Amino acid sequence: MSPKNIITVGNFDGVHLGHQAIVRAARERAGPIDGCGVLAVTFDPPPIAVLKPRGAPLQVASLADRERWLRAAGADRVEVLTPDPAMLGLSAQAFIERLVADHGAVGFVEGEDFRFGKGRGGDMAVLRAMGDAHGFAVHTLGRLEAPLSDGTNAPVSSSLVRGLIGRGRVEDTAVCLGRPWEVTGLVVKGEQRGRTINIPTANLDPACYTGLVVPMDGVYAGAATLDDGTLYPAAISVGNKPTFGGQVQTIEAHLVGFTPDNPDALYGRPMTLRFARWVREQYPFANADELVTQLRRDIDQAQAWHRDAARQPS
C-alpha cells in the first residue's frame, strides 16, 4: 500500500462518467507526489441498505464490477468498508480522521454533493475545514451532464442511470456510463425450447442479477463474452416468455455464430451480456412459426448493431 494517498469516497454505483472523472482527477493530483497512490473507498452493502432496508434502491452493478471499473478509471486500490453500527456511528470528523490515519491521506477528491459521517452530517465545507486543520488538500468536481436521446442534457448520477436501465433506455445508459450496461453470471439450464426451433439460448442464473436493476422486459441487441474471451453478437431477451405463459422473469441470449459440438457446452460457465440497443417489446405470438420469424428479425438486429459498432473508431 502506498504510504501516501489521494482518497475518494463514495458508493460509486455503476462507476458512471462522473465517478470516472473523480478518479481521474485524483490520479492527476497523485502523479506529481512522490510515492502517492489513488485509493477509492466504497461500501458493501451501501449504507442506505443498512439504515433503511426497505428504501434501498436496486444497484446498477455488483461489487466486483465496481472494483474493476474503479481500477480501470485509475484507482490503484479499492478499499471496501462494511457499514456496521460502529462505522455508521462515526461522526464526520472521526470518519475522515480514521481515513487519514489509516491511509496517509494527502488529499481528497469528491463530487460537490459529497456527504459523510453519522447522519450524513459532513459536507464539502466540513471536509475543507478538516483539510486546513490536518494538512490535506481538497478538490471538488461539479456534476457532469450527458446528452440523452430525448434531446436533454441530464446531470449524470447513479439514480439517473438506474432509471434509464429500468425503462429499457440502454443506449442512453451507455452514454452515462461510457460503456454498455452489462451483467455477468453463470449459464444455467433453461426450458430448452430454443433448441426445438433451432434458436438455442443461454440463460443467466437469476442469482447474478438479484439486487440489481435490470432492463425492462423486452428484446435487446448486444454482445455476449464467454470466460475464454470470445465475443459473439447476441439477441438478448428479458421477460417471462409470454408466448409460453411463463411467470418468472429470465435473462437469456442467443449467441450468433456459437455452434458448439456439445449443446450443453455453456452450462456452468461465466458469461457477460452487454445491452446495447432496444429492439422491441415482449409480446405473445400465435404460434411457433410466428415466433421463429420474429426471432430471426431480432438476430438480424443484433448482427446489424455488431457491424455498426465494429465500424466505429476506437
Foldseek 3Di string as FASTA:
>chain_A
DFLEEAEEEDQCFLVWPQNLVQLLVRQVVQVVPPRYFYEYEHEVPHPCCVVPVVPDAFTLDDPVVSQVVSVVSGHPYYHYDYPDVVQLQFAPLRNVVVCCVVRVYQEYEYEQADFDHHVSPDGVVNVCVVCVVVVHYYHYDYFAWFQAPVRDTHGQDRVVLLVCQQAQVQQRNCRGRVHFRKFKAAFADDPQPCVVVVQGKTWGDVVRCVSHRHHHFAWFWWWKAWPVGDIFTKTWGWDQQVQVPGDDTTIIIGGPPDDDPDPCVRGGTMMMIGGHGTDGHDDHDPDDVVVSVVVVVSSVVNVVVVVVVVPDDD
